[in-house]
Amino acid sequence: MMIKNILFTTLLLLITLGTSFGLYAADDLSMSALTLTTNPDGSQEYSVTLQILIFMTALSFIPAAVIMMTSFTRIVVVMAILRQAFGLQQTPSNQVIIGLTLFMTLFIMTPVYKQIDDAAIQPYLSEQLTSVEAIDKAKVPLRSFMLEQTRLKDLDTLASMAGLDAVDKPTDLPMTVIIPAFIISELKTAFQIGFILFIPFLIIDLVVASILMAMGMMMLSPMIVSLPFKLMLFVLVDGWNLVIGTIATSYGLGG
């Protein structure tokens, strides 16, 4: 049931993106067969045909939404840099890294999911909200999460490129601006964390390489000699605990 709700949440967010892009679409691109129905109370509902079209189209974008609109990007980049710092190409394997990243993403995004579930999913399933109202409610917690992790410089740059310099506050920006700004900020933060993780392993490589050159063993690869020392250092300092704790703390968890 939880997985079903998560997929439903992602679908709502993707529909939100679709409506955001629709604001910039030309009038002559509208399709008369796909219409909106206006209720007597003034609210609007998508026609069944349009709902099916959006649903089938959104299925292909669910992986991109999960990766780019959550903490997935930062975690997987940090894990990839950490593996590179070890000098290992296949350990941990890609499956292990992706699996750990997915569960860490679920752990970090749980508070946001609960807010979306309480504000949009459950009321919509109880028929207390229309689909459009549920979309508006669902995007608020996710937008708040992304803005908390997004640098103002990135927001200003993309807002300026979109011609939205007159916006009073970041929450007034459309999702089409917030999402790419969030991704850029996530990549920068991930590279910063990766740089800090890389330094101790780089020092070990330099020390081992210097010792081997002093001993005249230039034909022996320093990577082979330094790998056991890097593994030992990582285990002694409880490296996995520190890495996971650092990533979670960077999102404000446990702080």
Protein backbone atom coordinates (compact mmCIF):
# COMPACT_ATOMS: atom_id res chain seq x y z
CA MET A 1 0.00 0.00 0.00
CA MET A 2 2.87 2.37 0.82
CA ILE A 3 4.53 1.74 -2.56
CA LYS A 4 1.19 2.40 -4.27
CA ASN A 5 0.85 5.70 -2.42
CA ILE A 6 4.41 6.70 -3.31
CA LEU A 7 3.75 6.03 -7.00
CA PHE A 8 0.51 7.98 -6.75
CA THR A 9 2.39 10.87 -5.13
CA THR A 10 4.97 10.85 -7.91
CA LEU A 11 2.18 10.87 -10.49
CA LEU A 12 0.61 13.91 -8.84
CA LEU A 13 3.94 15.71 -8.94
CA LEU A 14 4.47 14.84 -12.58
CA ILE A 15 1.02 16.19 -13.42
CA THR A 16 2.06 19.34 -11.59
CA LEU A 17 5.07 19.64 -13.89
CA GLY A 18 2.81 19.12 -16.88
CA THR A 19 0.51 21.90 -15.81
CA SER A 20 3.51 24.16 -15.18
CA PHE A 21 4.78 23.58 -18.70
CA GLY A 22 1.28 24.18 -19.96
CA LEU A 23 1.45 27.77 -18.77
CA TYR A 24 4.04 28.47 -21.45
CA ALA A 25 2.34 26.53 -24.24
CA ALA A 26 0.88 28.33 -27.23
CA ASP A 27 -2.88 28.46 -27.65
CA ASP A 28 -2.75 26.92 -31.10
CA LEU A 29 -1.23 23.73 -29.63
CA SER A 30 -4.31 22.89 -27.55
CA MET A 31 -6.28 19.76 -28.42
CA SER A 32 -10.05 20.09 -28.37
CA ALA A 33 -10.50 16.39 -27.61
CA LEU A 34 -8.64 16.83 -24.33
CA THR A 35 -10.67 19.27 -22.27
CA LEU A 36 -11.23 20.36 -18.70
CA THR A 37 -14.65 20.10 -17.09
CA THR A 38 -15.77 23.04 -14.96
CA ASN A 39 -17.87 22.01 -11.95
CA PRO A 40 -20.81 24.12 -10.69
CA ASP A 41 -18.74 25.29 -7.73
CA GLY A 42 -16.09 26.72 -10.07
CA SER A 43 -13.52 23.93 -9.63
CA GLN A 44 -12.10 22.07 -12.62
CA GLU A 45 -11.59 18.39 -13.35
CA TYR A 46 -9.56 16.71 -16.06
CA SER A 47 -11.55 14.63 -18.52
CA VAL A 48 -11.12 10.85 -18.38
CA THR A 49 -9.29 10.87 -21.71
CA LEU A 50 -6.77 13.39 -20.46
CA GLN A 51 -6.27 11.53 -17.19
CA ILE A 52 -5.41 8.34 -19.08
CA LEU A 53 -3.06 10.22 -21.40
CA ILE A 54 -1.26 11.87 -18.49
CA PHE A 55 -1.03 8.60 -16.58
CA MET A 56 0.46 6.63 -19.48
CA THR A 57 2.91 9.43 -20.26
CA ALA A 58 3.89 9.92 -16.62
CA LEU A 59 4.88 6.28 -16.17
CA SER A 60 8.00 6.83 -18.27
CA PHE A 61 8.98 9.86 -16.18
CA ILE A 62 8.60 8.27 -12.73
CA PRO A 63 12.29 7.15 -12.53
CA ALA A 64 13.47 10.64 -13.51
CA ALA A 65 11.18 12.21 -10.90
CA VAL A 66 12.38 9.86 -8.16
CA ILE A 67 16.02 10.55 -9.05
CA MET A 68 15.89 14.30 -9.63
CA MET A 69 13.26 15.54 -7.17
CA THR A 70 14.49 13.69 -4.09
CA SER A 71 17.75 13.11 -2.22
CA PHE A 72 18.72 10.31 -4.63
CA THR A 73 21.14 12.40 -6.70
CA ARG A 74 23.28 13.57 -3.79
CA ILE A 75 23.56 10.11 -2.24
CA VAL A 76 24.42 8.20 -5.42
CA VAL A 77 27.08 10.76 -6.44
CA VAL A 78 28.71 10.60 -2.99
CA MET A 79 28.72 6.80 -3.10
CA ALA A 80 30.26 6.79 -6.59
CA ILE A 81 33.01 9.21 -5.52
CA LEU A 82 33.68 7.11 -2.41
CA ARG A 83 34.14 3.99 -4.52
CA GLN A 84 36.49 5.89 -6.80
CA ALA A 85 38.48 7.08 -3.77
CA PHE A 86 39.01 3.46 -2.75
CA GLY A 87 40.36 2.70 -6.21
CA LEU A 88 37.79 -0.06 -6.68
CA GLN A 89 35.87 -0.34 -9.93
CA GLN A 90 33.19 -2.89 -9.07
CA THR A 91 33.07 -3.03 -5.26
CA PRO A 92 30.55 -2.16 -3.98
CA SER A 93 28.70 -3.12 -7.13
CA ASN A 94 26.29 -0.79 -8.89
CA GLN A 95 23.36 -2.84 -7.62
CA VAL A 96 24.50 -2.39 -4.02
CA ILE A 97 25.05 1.35 -4.44
CA ILE A 98 21.68 1.88 -6.13
CA GLY A 99 19.92 -0.29 -3.53
CA LEU A 100 21.50 1.57 -0.61
CA THR A 101 20.72 4.88 -2.28
CA LEU A 102 17.07 3.96 -2.78
CA PHE A 103 16.55 2.97 0.84
CA MET A 104 18.43 6.01 2.11
CA THR A 105 16.25 8.16 -0.16
CA LEU A 106 13.15 6.53 1.29
CA PHE A 107 14.48 7.17 4.81
CA ILE A 108 15.28 10.83 4.15
CA MET A 109 12.10 11.55 2.20
CA THR A 110 9.74 9.86 4.68
CA PRO A 111 8.84 13.13 6.51
CA VAL A 112 8.04 14.78 3.18
CA TYR A 113 6.00 11.78 2.06
CA LYS A 114 3.99 11.83 5.29
CA GLN A 115 3.13 15.49 4.74
CA ILE A 116 2.02 14.77 1.16
CA ASP A 117 0.05 11.74 2.32
CA ASP A 118 -1.79 13.71 5.01
CA ALA A 119 -2.41 16.80 2.89
CA ALA A 120 -3.19 15.32 -0.53
CA ILE A 121 -3.24 11.55 -0.95
CA GLN A 122 -5.61 10.52 1.83
CA PRO A 123 -8.08 13.39 1.23
CA TYR A 124 -8.05 12.59 -2.50
CA LEU A 125 -8.64 8.87 -1.88
CA SER A 126 -11.48 9.85 0.46
CA GLU A 127 -12.90 12.04 -2.32
CA GLN A 128 -12.52 15.14 -0.19
CA LEU A 129 -10.32 16.80 -2.83
CA THR A 130 -10.41 16.91 -6.59
CA SER A 131 -7.37 15.89 -8.61
CA VAL A 132 -6.37 19.51 -9.23
CA GLU A 133 -6.70 20.37 -5.53
CA ALA A 134 -4.69 17.28 -4.59
CA ILE A 135 -1.93 18.34 -6.98
CA ASP A 136 -1.78 21.80 -5.43
CA LYS A 137 -1.62 20.30 -1.94
CA ALA A 138 0.95 17.64 -2.85
CA LYS A 139 3.50 19.96 -4.40
CA VAL A 140 3.75 22.24 -1.34
CA PRO A 141 5.79 19.88 0.95
CA LEU A 142 8.04 18.76 -1.91
CA ARG A 143 8.63 22.32 -3.05
CA SER A 144 9.49 23.30 0.53
CA PHE A 145 11.97 20.41 0.75
CA MET A 146 13.67 21.34 -2.52
CA LEU A 147 13.89 25.04 -1.64
CA GLU A 148 15.53 24.21 1.70
CA GLN A 149 18.30 22.38 -0.17
CA THR A 150 18.64 24.86 -3.04
CA ARG A 151 21.09 27.74 -3.08
CA LEU A 152 19.69 31.18 -3.75
CA LYS A 153 22.38 31.76 -6.38
CA ASP A 154 21.11 28.81 -8.42
CA LEU A 155 17.51 29.98 -8.06
CA ASP A 156 18.43 33.53 -9.10
CA THR A 157 20.35 32.30 -12.13
CA LEU A 158 17.55 30.12 -13.48
CA ALA A 159 14.84 32.63 -12.57
CA SER A 160 16.76 35.30 -14.46
CA MET A 161 17.11 33.02 -17.49
CA ALA A 162 13.34 32.37 -17.36
CA GLY A 163 12.59 36.08 -17.13
CA LEU A 164 11.15 35.87 -13.61
CA ASP A 165 13.28 38.51 -11.91
CA ALA A 166 10.23 40.24 -10.40
CA VAL A 167 9.25 37.30 -8.16
CA ASP A 168 8.98 38.39 -4.52
CA LYS A 169 9.88 35.07 -2.85
CA PRO A 170 11.24 31.66 -3.94
CA THR A 171 7.92 29.91 -3.25
CA ASP A 172 6.36 31.96 -6.04
CA LEU A 173 8.69 30.41 -8.63
CA PRO A 174 7.27 27.63 -10.83
CA MET A 175 8.44 24.06 -10.41
CA THR A 176 10.11 24.28 -13.82
CA VAL A 177 12.62 26.68 -12.23
CA ILE A 178 12.87 25.12 -8.77
CA ILE A 179 13.64 21.58 -9.96
CA PRO A 180 16.73 22.33 -12.11
CA ALA A 181 18.03 24.74 -9.45
CA PHE A 182 17.59 21.97 -6.87
CA ILE A 183 19.48 19.47 -9.05
CA ILE A 184 22.40 21.86 -9.54
CA SER A 185 22.60 22.52 -5.80
CA GLU A 186 22.45 18.79 -5.06
CA LEU A 187 25.33 18.10 -7.44
CA LYS A 188 27.44 20.85 -5.88
CA THR A 189 26.79 19.59 -2.35
CA ALA A 190 27.55 16.02 -3.40
CA PHE A 191 30.88 17.07 -4.90
CA GLN A 192 31.75 18.98 -1.73
CA ILE A 193 31.07 15.93 0.43
CA GLY A 194 32.95 13.72 -2.04
CA PHE A 195 35.97 16.03 -1.93
CA ILE A 196 36.13 15.78 1.86
CA LEU A 197 35.87 11.98 1.67
CA PHE A 198 38.56 11.78 -1.02
CA ILE A 199 41.29 13.66 0.90
CA PRO A 200 42.27 10.90 3.45
CA PHE A 201 42.52 8.28 0.70
CA LEU A 202 44.55 10.61 -1.48
CA ILE A 203 47.01 11.17 1.37
CA ILE A 204 47.44 7.41 1.80
CA ASP A 205 48.11 7.03 -1.94
CA LEU A 206 50.75 9.80 -1.85
CA VAL A 207 52.48 8.33 1.21
CA VAL A 208 52.56 4.83 -0.27
CA ALA A 209 53.79 6.11 -3.64
CA SER A 210 56.59 8.10 -1.94
CA ILE A 211 57.70 5.08 0.10
CA LEU A 212 57.75 2.82 -2.95
CA MET A 213 59.80 5.33 -4.94
CA ALA A 214 62.25 5.71 -2.05
CA MET A 215 62.65 1.93 -1.96
CA GLY A 216 63.21 1.79 -5.72
CA MET A 217 60.06 -0.28 -6.25
CA MET A 218 58.74 1.88 -9.08
CA MET A 219 57.38 -1.11 -11.02
CA LEU A 220 54.92 -1.95 -8.21
CA SER A 221 51.59 -0.15 -8.50
CA PRO A 222 50.93 2.08 -5.45
CA MET A 223 47.20 1.31 -5.77
CA ILE A 224 47.78 -2.35 -4.93
CA VAL A 225 49.75 -1.51 -1.78
CA SER A 226 47.57 1.36 -0.61
CA LEU A 227 44.23 -0.44 -0.99
CA PRO A 228 44.54 -2.57 2.18
CA PHE A 229 45.52 0.50 4.20
CA LYS A 230 42.57 2.47 2.87
CA LEU A 231 40.20 -0.36 3.68
CA MET A 232 41.67 -0.70 7.16
CA LEU A 233 41.37 3.05 7.79
CA PHE A 234 37.78 3.07 6.59
CA VAL A 235 36.83 0.15 8.83
CA LEU A 236 38.65 1.51 11.90
CA VAL A 237 36.85 4.86 11.76
CA ASP A 238 33.51 3.13 11.07
CA GLY A 239 33.39 4.80 7.69
CA TRP A 240 29.98 3.65 6.50
CA ASN A 241 28.36 5.00 9.64
CA LEU A 242 30.13 8.34 9.18
CA VAL A 243 29.24 8.61 5.49
CA ILE A 244 25.57 7.76 5.98
CA GLY A 245 25.40 10.01 9.04
CA THR A 246 26.98 12.88 7.13
CA ILE A 247 24.51 12.56 4.26
CA ALA A 248 21.51 12.37 6.60
CA THR A 249 22.79 15.35 8.62
CA SER A 250 23.20 17.38 5.44
CA TYR A 251 19.41 17.13 5.05
CA GLY A 252 18.78 18.26 8.60
CA LEU A 253 18.12 14.80 10.07
CA GLY A 254 19.49 14.01 13.48
CA GLY A 255 20.89 17.52 13.86
